Amino acid sequence: MYEEKSKIKNMEGTKKDMLLQLEQMRRSGVELFVDGRAVLPIEVVAKAVRENSPYMADYVLDPSGTIRQVRFDKVTRC
């Protein structure tokens, strides 16, 4: 029981941290996408931050190496 509560606490902390990071990125002009659709940071967290999440982040850079987009796409098995 303690381990389960610990996992839940860790997951909530991870979600909060990721939300803060994504909000900061968005304020800096980084576009966020989930499965090809533009989304808000809270939507990314809701979809992509889960135990055994099937989502992978792809960072799109401009020619100077600055992050311009973060694209979260569902990973599927072939």
PDB file of N, CA and C in Angstrom:
ATOM      1  N   MET A   1       0.815  -1.187   0.000  1.00  0.00           N
ATOM      2  CA  MET A   1       0.000   0.000   0.000  1.00  0.00           C
ATOM      3  C   MET A   1       0.864   1.258   0.000  1.00  0.00           C
ATOM      4  N   TYR A   2       1.917   1.250   0.805  1.00  0.00           N
ATOM      5  CA  TYR A   2       2.819   2.397   0.865  1.00  0.00           C
ATOM      6  C   TYR A   2       3.464   2.647  -0.497  1.00  0.00           C
ATOM      7  N   GLU A   3       3.880   1.567  -1.181  1.00  0.00           N
ATOM      8  CA  GLU A   3       4.522   1.715  -2.492  1.00  0.00           C
ATOM      9  C   GLU A   3       3.572   2.349  -3.492  1.00  0.00           C
ATOM     10  N   GLU A   4       2.304   1.952  -3.451  1.00  0.00           N
ATOM     11  CA  GLU A   4       1.324   2.511  -4.377  1.00  0.00           C
ATOM     12  C   GLU A   4       1.140   4.010  -4.131  1.00  0.00           C
ATOM     13  N   LYS A   5       1.043   4.418  -2.867  1.00  0.00           N
ATOM     14  CA  LYS A   5       0.911   5.836  -2.547  1.00  0.00           C
ATOM     15  C   LYS A   5       2.147   6.603  -2.983  1.00  0.00           C
ATOM     16  N   SER A   6       3.297   5.975  -2.827  1.00  0.00           N
ATOM     17  CA  SER A   6       4.550   6.598  -3.241  1.00  0.00           C
ATOM     18  C   SER A   6       4.581   6.790  -4.752  1.00  0.00           C
ATOM     19  N   LYS A   7       4.126   5.791  -5.502  1.00  0.00           N
ATOM     20  CA  LYS A   7       4.075   5.898  -6.962  1.00  0.00           C
ATOM     21  C   LYS A   7       3.159   7.034  -7.393  1.00  0.00           C
ATOM     22  N   ILE A   8       2.005   7.127  -6.732  1.00  0.00           N
ATOM     23  CA  ILE A   8       1.040   8.184  -7.064  1.00  0.00           C
ATOM     24  C   ILE A   8       1.645   9.555  -6.776  1.00  0.00           C
ATOM     25  N   LYS A   9       2.306   9.693  -5.641  1.00  0.00           N
ATOM     26  CA  LYS A   9       2.956  10.963  -5.298  1.00  0.00           C
ATOM     27  C   LYS A   9       4.029  11.319  -6.325  1.00  0.00           C
ATOM     28  N   ASN A  10       4.838  10.320  -6.707  1.00  0.00           N
ATOM     29  CA  ASN A  10       5.890  10.558  -7.692  1.00  0.00           C
ATOM     30  C   ASN A  10       5.299  10.969  -9.032  1.00  0.00           C
ATOM     31  N   MET A  11       4.213  10.321  -9.454  1.00  0.00           N
ATOM     32  CA  MET A  11       3.579  10.642 -10.728  1.00  0.00           C
ATOM     33  C   MET A  11       3.008  12.052 -10.689  1.00  0.00           C
ATOM     34  N   GLU A  12       2.379  12.430  -9.573  1.00  0.00           N
ATOM     35  CA  GLU A  12       1.829  13.785  -9.442  1.00  0.00           C
ATOM     36  C   GLU A  12       2.950  14.825  -9.483  1.00  0.00           C
ATOM     37  N   GLY A  13       4.064  14.534  -8.843  1.00  0.00           N
ATOM     38  CA  GLY A  13       5.213  15.439  -8.884  1.00  0.00           C
ATOM     39  C   GLY A  13       5.770  15.569 -10.287  1.00  0.00           C
ATOM     40  N   THR A  14       5.832  14.451 -10.999  1.00  0.00           N
ATOM     41  CA  THR A  14       6.314  14.459 -12.383  1.00  0.00           C
ATOM     42  C   THR A  14       5.395  15.297 -13.260  1.00  0.00           C
ATOM     43  N   LYS A  15       4.097  15.126 -13.093  1.00  0.00           N
ATOM     44  CA  LYS A  15       3.131  15.906 -13.879  1.00  0.00           C
ATOM     45  C   LYS A  15       3.282  17.396 -13.611  1.00  0.00           C
ATOM     46  N   LYS A  16       3.404  17.751 -12.343  1.00  0.00           N
ATOM     47  CA  LYS A  16       3.539  19.165 -11.971  1.00  0.00           C
ATOM     48  C   LYS A  16       4.814  19.760 -12.566  1.00  0.00           C
ATOM     49  N   ASP A  17       5.927  19.034 -12.445  1.00  0.00           N
ATOM     50  CA  ASP A  17       7.205  19.510 -12.991  1.00  0.00           C
ATOM     51  C   ASP A  17       7.132  19.684 -14.502  1.00  0.00           C
ATOM     52  N   MET A  18       6.544  18.687 -15.180  1.00  0.00           N
ATOM     53  CA  MET A  18       6.458  18.767 -16.637  1.00  0.00           C
ATOM     54  C   MET A  18       5.552  19.916 -17.060  1.00  0.00           C
ATOM     55  N   LEU A  19       4.447  20.102 -16.354  1.00  0.00           N
ATOM     56  CA  LEU A  19       3.540  21.201 -16.685  1.00  0.00           C
ATOM     57  C   LEU A  19       4.264  22.537 -16.568  1.00  0.00           C
ATOM     58  N   LEU A  20       5.014  22.733 -15.507  1.00  0.00           N
ATOM     59  CA  LEU A  20       5.764  23.978 -15.338  1.00  0.00           C
ATOM     60  C   LEU A  20       6.776  24.179 -16.464  1.00  0.00           C
ATOM     61  N   GLN A  21       7.484  23.115 -16.830  1.00  0.00           N
ATOM     62  CA  GLN A  21       8.471  23.216 -17.913  1.00  0.00           C
ATOM     63  C   GLN A  21       7.804  23.544 -19.240  1.00  0.00           C
ATOM     64  N   LEU A  22       6.696  22.860 -19.531  1.00  0.00           N
ATOM     65  CA  LEU A  22       6.008  23.097 -20.807  1.00  0.00           C
ATOM     66  C   LEU A  22       5.391  24.485 -20.863  1.00  0.00           C
ATOM     67  N   GLU A  23       4.864  24.967 -19.749  1.00  0.00           N
ATOM     68  CA  GLU A  23       4.321  26.329 -19.724  1.00  0.00           C
ATOM     69  C   GLU A  23       5.413  27.357 -19.977  1.00  0.00           C
ATOM     70  N   GLN A  24       6.578  27.132 -19.383  1.00  0.00           N
ATOM     71  CA  GLN A  24       7.699  28.040 -19.615  1.00  0.00           C
ATOM     72  C   GLN A  24       8.137  27.993 -21.081  1.00  0.00           C
ATOM     73  N   MET A  25       8.199  26.806 -21.643  1.00  0.00           N
ATOM     74  CA  MET A  25       8.583  26.674 -23.050  1.00  0.00           C
ATOM     75  C   MET A  25       7.582  27.392 -23.947  1.00  0.00           C
ATOM     76  N   ARG A  26       6.299  27.206 -23.664  1.00  0.00           N
ATOM     77  CA  ARG A  26       5.258  27.837 -24.481  1.00  0.00           C
ATOM     78  C   ARG A  26       5.362  29.357 -24.413  1.00  0.00           C
ATOM     79  N   ARG A  27       5.619  29.897 -23.203  1.00  0.00           N
ATOM     80  CA  ARG A  27       5.802  31.351 -23.069  1.00  0.00           C
ATOM     81  C   ARG A  27       7.006  31.840 -23.876  1.00  0.00           C
ATOM     82  N   SER A  28       7.967  30.952 -24.097  1.00  0.00           N
ATOM     83  CA  SER A  28       9.169  31.302 -24.873  1.00  0.00           C
ATOM     84  C   SER A  28       8.962  31.123 -26.370  1.00  0.00           C
ATOM     85  N   GLY A  29       7.745  30.739 -26.763  1.00  0.00           N
ATOM     86  CA  GLY A  29       7.440  30.618 -28.193  1.00  0.00           C
ATOM     87  C   GLY A  29       7.508  29.209 -28.759  1.00  0.00           C
ATOM     88  N   VAL A  30       7.698  28.218 -27.912  1.00  0.00           N
ATOM     89  CA  VAL A  30       7.746  26.832 -28.382  1.00  0.00           C
ATOM     90  C   VAL A  30       6.317  26.334 -28.578  1.00  0.00           C
ATOM     91  N   GLU A  31       6.055  25.753 -29.757  1.00  0.00           N
ATOM     92  CA  GLU A  31       4.744  25.187 -30.043  1.00  0.00           C
ATOM     93  C   GLU A  31       4.710  23.746 -29.547  1.00  0.00           C
ATOM     94  N   LEU A  32       3.558  23.320 -29.025  1.00  0.00           N
ATOM     95  CA  LEU A  32       3.396  21.971 -28.506  1.00  0.00           C
ATOM     96  C   LEU A  32       2.341  21.235 -29.316  1.00  0.00           C
ATOM     97  N   PHE A  33       2.630  19.971 -29.611  1.00  0.00           N
ATOM     98  CA  PHE A  33       1.717  19.149 -30.400  1.00  0.00           C
ATOM     99  C   PHE A  33       1.585  17.770 -29.766  1.00  0.00           C
ATOM    100  N   VAL A  34       0.389  17.213 -29.833  1.00  0.00           N
ATOM    101  CA  VAL A  34       0.163  15.814 -29.470  1.00  0.00           C
ATOM    102  C   VAL A  34      -0.539  15.171 -30.658  1.00  0.00           C
ATOM    103  N   ASP A  35       0.064  14.121 -31.188  1.00  0.00           N
ATOM    104  CA  ASP A  35      -0.480  13.405 -32.349  1.00  0.00           C
ATOM    105  C   ASP A  35      -0.832  14.349 -33.497  1.00  0.00           C
ATOM    106  N   GLY A  36       0.048  15.331 -33.735  1.00  0.00           N
ATOM    107  CA  GLY A  36      -0.110  16.240 -34.863  1.00  0.00           C
ATOM    108  C   GLY A  36      -1.034  17.418 -34.624  1.00  0.00           C
ATOM    109  N   ARG A  37      -1.603  17.538 -33.444  1.00  0.00           N
ATOM    110  CA  ARG A  37      -2.548  18.614 -33.146  1.00  0.00           C
ATOM    111  C   ARG A  37      -1.929  19.571 -32.140  1.00  0.00           C
ATOM    112  N   ALA A  38      -2.012  20.878 -32.424  1.00  0.00           N
ATOM    113  CA  ALA A  38      -1.502  21.886 -31.495  1.00  0.00           C
ATOM    114  C   ALA A  38      -2.314  21.830 -30.210  1.00  0.00           C
ATOM    115  N   VAL A  39      -1.605  21.842 -29.064  1.00  0.00           N
ATOM    116  CA  VAL A  39      -2.272  21.703 -27.766  1.00  0.00           C
ATOM    117  C   VAL A  39      -1.648  22.640 -26.740  1.00  0.00           C
ATOM    118  N   LEU A  40      -2.331  22.771 -25.629  1.00  0.00           N
ATOM    119  CA  LEU A  40      -1.825  23.514 -24.475  1.00  0.00           C
ATOM    120  C   LEU A  40      -1.007  22.570 -23.590  1.00  0.00           C
ATOM    121  N   PRO A  41      -0.148  23.120 -22.737  1.00  0.00           N
ATOM    122  CA  PRO A  41       0.669  22.269 -21.868  1.00  0.00           C
ATOM    123  C   PRO A  41      -0.128  21.269 -21.035  1.00  0.00           C
ATOM    124  N   ILE A  42      -1.274  21.676 -20.503  1.00  0.00           N
ATOM    125  CA  ILE A  42      -2.074  20.779 -19.668  1.00  0.00           C
ATOM    126  C   ILE A  42      -2.550  19.564 -20.465  1.00  0.00           C
ATOM    127  N   GLU A  43      -2.799  19.744 -21.760  1.00  0.00           N
ATOM    128  CA  GLU A  43      -3.225  18.631 -22.604  1.00  0.00           C
ATOM    129  C   GLU A  43      -2.092  17.641 -22.833  1.00  0.00           C
ATOM    130  N   VAL A  44      -0.874  18.154 -22.962  1.00  0.00           N
ATOM    131  CA  VAL A  44       0.285  17.269 -23.109  1.00  0.00           C
ATOM    132  C   VAL A  44       0.423  16.414 -21.858  1.00  0.00           C
ATOM    133  N   VAL A  45       0.360  17.044 -20.716  1.00  0.00           N
ATOM    134  CA  VAL A  45       0.529  16.330 -19.456  1.00  0.00           C
ATOM    135  C   VAL A  45      -0.552  15.262 -19.293  1.00  0.00           C
ATOM    136  N   ALA A  46      -1.784  15.596 -19.627  1.00  0.00           N
ATOM    137  CA  ALA A  46      -2.890  14.650 -19.486  1.00  0.00           C
ATOM    138  C   ALA A  46      -2.699  13.417 -20.363  1.00  0.00           C
ATOM    139  N   LYS A  47      -2.160  13.608 -21.554  1.00  0.00           N
ATOM    140  CA  LYS A  47      -1.984  12.490 -22.487  1.00  0.00           C
ATOM    141  C   LYS A  47      -0.666  11.760 -22.298  1.00  0.00           C
ATOM    142  N   ALA A  48       0.403  12.512 -22.157  1.00  0.00           N
ATOM    143  CA  ALA A  48       1.735  11.913 -22.280  1.00  0.00           C
ATOM    144  C   ALA A  48       2.404  11.520 -20.968  1.00  0.00           C
ATOM    145  N   VAL A  49       1.920  12.017 -19.844  1.00  0.00           N
ATOM    146  CA  VAL A  49       2.566  11.681 -18.574  1.00  0.00           C
ATOM    147  C   VAL A  49       1.694  10.672 -17.843  1.00  0.00           C
ATOM    148  N   ARG A  50       2.001   9.422 -18.064  1.00  0.00           N
ATOM    149  CA  ARG A  50       1.312   8.309 -17.418  1.00  0.00           C
ATOM    150  C   ARG A  50       2.317   7.190 -17.226  1.00  0.00           C
ATOM    151  N   GLU A  51       2.005   6.305 -16.318  1.00  0.00           N
ATOM    152  CA  GLU A  51       2.853   5.128 -16.149  1.00  0.00           C
ATOM    153  C   GLU A  51       2.766   4.321 -17.438  1.00  0.00           C
ATOM    154  N   ASN A  52       3.899   3.887 -17.941  1.00  0.00           N
ATOM    155  CA  ASN A  52       3.971   3.132 -19.202  1.00  0.00           C
ATOM    156  C   ASN A  52       3.386   3.924 -20.372  1.00  0.00           C
ATOM    157  N   SER A  53       3.649   5.228 -20.404  1.00  0.00           N
ATOM    158  CA  SER A  53       3.128   6.100 -21.458  1.00  0.00           C
ATOM    159  C   SER A  53       3.644   5.684 -22.824  1.00  0.00           C
ATOM    160  N   PRO A  54       2.741   5.586 -23.801  1.00  0.00           N
ATOM    161  CA  PRO A  54       3.172   5.232 -25.158  1.00  0.00           C
ATOM    162  C   PRO A  54       3.556   6.457 -25.991  1.00  0.00           C
ATOM    163  N   TYR A  55       3.824   7.598 -25.352  1.00  0.00           N
ATOM    164  CA  TYR A  55       4.167   8.813 -26.088  1.00  0.00           C
ATOM    165  C   TYR A  55       5.660   9.113 -26.020  1.00  0.00           C
ATOM    166  N   MET A  56       6.169   9.629 -27.134  1.00  0.00           N
ATOM    167  CA  MET A  56       7.581  10.002 -27.213  1.00  0.00           C
ATOM    168  C   MET A  56       7.662  11.448 -27.697  1.00  0.00           C
ATOM    169  N   ALA A  57       8.554  12.209 -27.095  1.00  0.00           N
ATOM    170  CA  ALA A  57       8.736  13.612 -27.483  1.00  0.00           C
ATOM    171  C   ALA A  57       9.786  13.721 -28.590  1.00  0.00           C
ATOM    172  N   ASP A  58       9.480  14.554 -29.577  1.00  0.00           N
ATOM    173  CA  ASP A  58      10.415  14.853 -30.657  1.00  0.00           C
ATOM    174  C   ASP A  58      10.610  16.368 -30.651  1.00  0.00           C
ATOM    175  N   TYR A  59      11.854  16.800 -30.518  1.00  0.00           N
ATOM    176  CA  TYR A  59      12.160  18.228 -30.446  1.00  0.00           C
ATOM    177  C   TYR A  59      12.543  18.728 -31.830  1.00  0.00           C
ATOM    178  N   VAL A  60      11.858  19.757 -32.303  1.00  0.00           N
ATOM    179  CA  VAL A  60      12.124  20.349 -33.614  1.00  0.00           C
ATOM    180  C   VAL A  60      12.891  21.639 -33.382  1.00  0.00           C
ATOM    181  N   LEU A  61      14.072  21.714 -33.964  1.00  0.00           N
ATOM    182  CA  LEU A  61      14.958  22.865 -33.790  1.00  0.00           C
ATOM    183  C   LEU A  61      14.970  23.743 -35.032  1.00  0.00           C
ATOM    184  N   ASP A  62      15.253  25.025 -34.838  1.00  0.00           N
ATOM    185  CA  ASP A  62      15.467  25.900 -35.985  1.00  0.00           C
ATOM    186  C   ASP A  62      16.948  25.812 -36.370  1.00  0.00           C
ATOM    187  N   PRO A  63      17.368  26.466 -37.446  1.00  0.00           N
ATOM    188  CA  PRO A  63      18.762  26.369 -37.886  1.00  0.00           C
ATOM    189  C   PRO A  63      19.799  26.776 -36.836  1.00  0.00           C
ATOM    190  N   SER A  64      19.399  27.620 -35.887  1.00  0.00           N
ATOM    191  CA  SER A  64      20.361  28.053 -34.864  1.00  0.00           C
ATOM    192  C   SER A  64      20.426  27.083 -33.685  1.00  0.00           C
ATOM    193  N   GLY A  65      19.560  26.051 -33.699  1.00  0.00           N
ATOM    194  CA  GLY A  65      19.570  25.065 -32.626  1.00  0.00           C
ATOM    195  C   GLY A  65      18.592  25.355 -31.497  1.00  0.00           C
ATOM    196  N   THR A  66      17.737  26.352 -31.679  1.00  0.00           N
ATOM    197  CA  THR A  66      16.729  26.698 -30.683  1.00  0.00           C
ATOM    198  C   THR A  66      15.507  25.803 -30.868  1.00  0.00           C
ATOM    199  N   ILE A  67      14.947  25.312 -29.765  1.00  0.00           N
ATOM    200  CA  ILE A  67      13.745  24.479 -29.847  1.00  0.00           C
ATOM    201  C   ILE A  67      12.567  25.340 -30.290  1.00  0.00           C
ATOM    202  N   ARG A  68      11.876  24.918 -31.346  1.00  0.00           N
ATOM    203  CA  ARG A  68      10.720  25.641 -31.860  1.00  0.00           C
ATOM    204  C   ARG A  68       9.423  24.871 -31.638  1.00  0.00           C
ATOM    205  N   GLN A  69       9.520  23.539 -31.621  1.00  0.00           N
ATOM    206  CA  GLN A  69       8.341  22.709 -31.406  1.00  0.00           C
ATOM    207  C   GLN A  69       8.736  21.492 -30.579  1.00  0.00           C
ATOM    208  N   VAL A  70       7.772  21.007 -29.792  1.00  0.00           N
ATOM    209  CA  VAL A  70       7.916  19.707 -29.160  1.00  0.00           C
ATOM    210  C   VAL A  70       6.689  18.928 -29.595  1.00  0.00           C
ATOM    211  N   ARG A  71       6.935  17.796 -30.244  1.00  0.00           N
ATOM    212  CA  ARG A  71       5.857  16.984 -30.800  1.00  0.00           C
ATOM    213  C   ARG A  71       5.796  15.654 -30.048  1.00  0.00           C
ATOM    214  N   PHE A  72       4.684  15.405 -29.397  1.00  0.00           N
ATOM    215  CA  PHE A  72       4.473  14.155 -28.674  1.00  0.00           C
ATOM    216  C   PHE A  72       3.623  13.253 -29.546  1.00  0.00           C
ATOM    217  N   ASP A  73       4.188  12.137 -29.934  1.00  0.00           N
ATOM    218  CA  ASP A  73       3.483  11.200 -30.803  1.00  0.00           C
ATOM    219  C   ASP A  73       3.373   9.848 -30.133  1.00  0.00           C
ATOM    220  N   LYS A  74       2.221   9.219 -30.328  1.00  0.00           N
ATOM    221  CA  LYS A  74       1.988   7.907 -29.762  1.00  0.00           C
ATOM    222  C   LYS A  74       2.886   6.895 -30.459  1.00  0.00           C
ATOM    223  N   VAL A  75       3.568   6.091 -29.676  1.00  0.00           N
ATOM    224  CA  VAL A  75       4.450   5.068 -30.205  1.00  0.00           C
ATOM    225  C   VAL A  75       3.643   3.777 -30.312  1.00  0.00           C
ATOM    226  N   THR A  76       3.659   3.206 -31.499  1.00  0.00           N
ATOM    227  CA  THR A  76       2.944   1.950 -31.710  1.00  0.00           C
ATOM    228  C   THR A  76       3.908   0.875 -32.158  1.00  0.00           C
ATOM    229  N   ARG A  77       3.564  -0.342 -31.855  1.00  0.00           N
ATOM    230  CA  ARG A  77       4.386  -1.467 -32.289  1.00  0.00           C
ATOM    231  C   ARG A  77       4.047  -1.817 -33.716  1.00  0.00           C
ATOM    232  N   CYS A  78       5.050  -2.270 -34.431  1.00  0.00           N
ATOM    233  CA  CYS A  78       4.815  -2.695 -35.823  1.00  0.00           C
ATOM    234  C   CYS A  78       4.380  -4.133 -35.873  1.00  0.00           C
TER     235      CYS A  78
END
